[in-house]
Amino acid sequence: MARGGSKQVPALKAKPPAKEKVRRTTEPAKKDATAIGAPLDLQQKCLDLFREALKPTEDDNSEALQEVKTHLFNRDFAQAFGKESYLRAYAGRWSPSRALAYHQVLVDVQDEVLSTFGQTQTDGESVFRVVSIGGGAGAELVSLATWLRMESQGAIKPCRIMEKLHTTLLDIAAWDPVVAELQQAITTPPQLSAYASAAAREANEAMLAKEAYTVTFNQLDALGMTESQCKEFIGGADLVTMMFTLNELYSTSVAKTQKMLARITEASRPGSHLLVVDSPGSYSTVSINGADKNYPMQWLLDLTLAGNQKRSDGDDAKPKWEKIVTDESRWFRLPAGLKYPIDLENCRYQIHLYRRAAG
C-alpha cells in the first residue's frame, strides 16, 4: 500500500471537468467472467501460484491474519504491513481474488489500452511496460501475468501485440520477498508429485518464460516521489495502475495526492494510459477556506486529470488526459469450481481509464 503524510489541503481553484464522451456502464457488468476473461483452468492456475508461493493456512482465524485484520481496522498500516509474516498472510488471504478481478479489468479495457501500443514503441521490441503504484501485494503481478499468458495463446485480439511485459511495482511496504516468490512461481514449472505420469511431466510448464515477464520492485512512498523519480518510473510506461490505492492516498493527504498526480501527468508520454480501480462510493475530505467538505474520489481525480486548467495567459488549457472508460460500480464474481485453502470473496469496484493527450 502506498501511503503518505499529513492532511493539509489548500483550496481547489481549478474548474470542474467538462462532460466528456466516455464508454460508460451504469449497471454492474452482467458478464460471464469465465467466458470473457481467463478460462477456468487459467484462473485456477492463478490461485495455485499463490498457494505454491505463499502456502496460506486453511485457518482464516490464524494469529497472523487476525493481527493484520485488527491493524487494518484501526487504519494502522505501518503495523499491518510491518512484518514479513503479516505481508505473506495478507497476500495469501486477499490478493488471490483481487488478482482474478484485476485480470478481468484488464480484459475489459484491453481494446483501449492496446490501441495505442506500438505507436509509442521506440526500441523495436514489443515490450509492454506497466507501473503499478501500491502494487506490492501480488495481485497486480499475477493478474498481468495471466493477461500476458492469454495474449501468448492468441486469446487477445489482435493477438501477439505484446511479446514481452515488464512490470514495475511501487509500494511503501517491504514486499520484496512476496514479489520474488510469486515471480518465481510464475516463471518456474510447478512441482509435480513423484507419482505424476509421463504425460503430466511432459505437459508441465511455467505460466510464462522468464524472459517474457520481468518484474522490478521498488520500496518507496508514492506521495513522496520526486519529479526525477516520476520520470524514471513513469516516463517509459504504457500503463500506470492504481488498484484500490488512490482513495487511501487521498485519505492520507489530498494535497500530496493531487501533486503526485500532477507529476505523473508531466512524466507520462502521449498515448499512455492511467487505470484507477477503487471501492465504489469513495469520498475524501477537503478543507476549503477552513471548512471541511467531502468530495467523491472520482470528482477529485477528474478535477486533476481531465479538468480545464488555466494557462499562463489566463485562457483555458486543453486537459492533458482524456477519460475513455468510466463505471461507478462493477462486480467481479468468482466462478464456481475454483479451489483455494481459504474462502475468497467477490469484488465490487469503480473503474476509470484515462489516455494521455499530446501536449
Foldseek 3Di string as FASTA:
>chain_A
DFADAAADFEADDFDFFDDADAAEDADADPDDLCVQFPPPVLLLLLQVLLCVLLVAALDCPDPLNVVLVVCVVVVVVCVCQVDPSSLSNCLNAAQSQLLSVVLSVCSVCVCLLLVCQVVLDDPPAQEAEEEEEQPLSCSPVSSVLSNVLCLVVCNDPVHPSHQAYEYEYEEQGDSVSVSVSSLCQQAAFDDDDPPDDPVCVVPTGHSDHDVRYYYHYDHDRLLPDDLVNLLVRQQSHQEYEYAQHLLNHLQNYVRSSLVSVVSNLVNHDAFGKYKYKHAFPRWHWHAYPNDIDIDGPVSSVCSSQRTFDADPVGDTDGGQKHKHYWYRKYKDADDPDHDHSYDYGIDIIIMIMIGGHHD
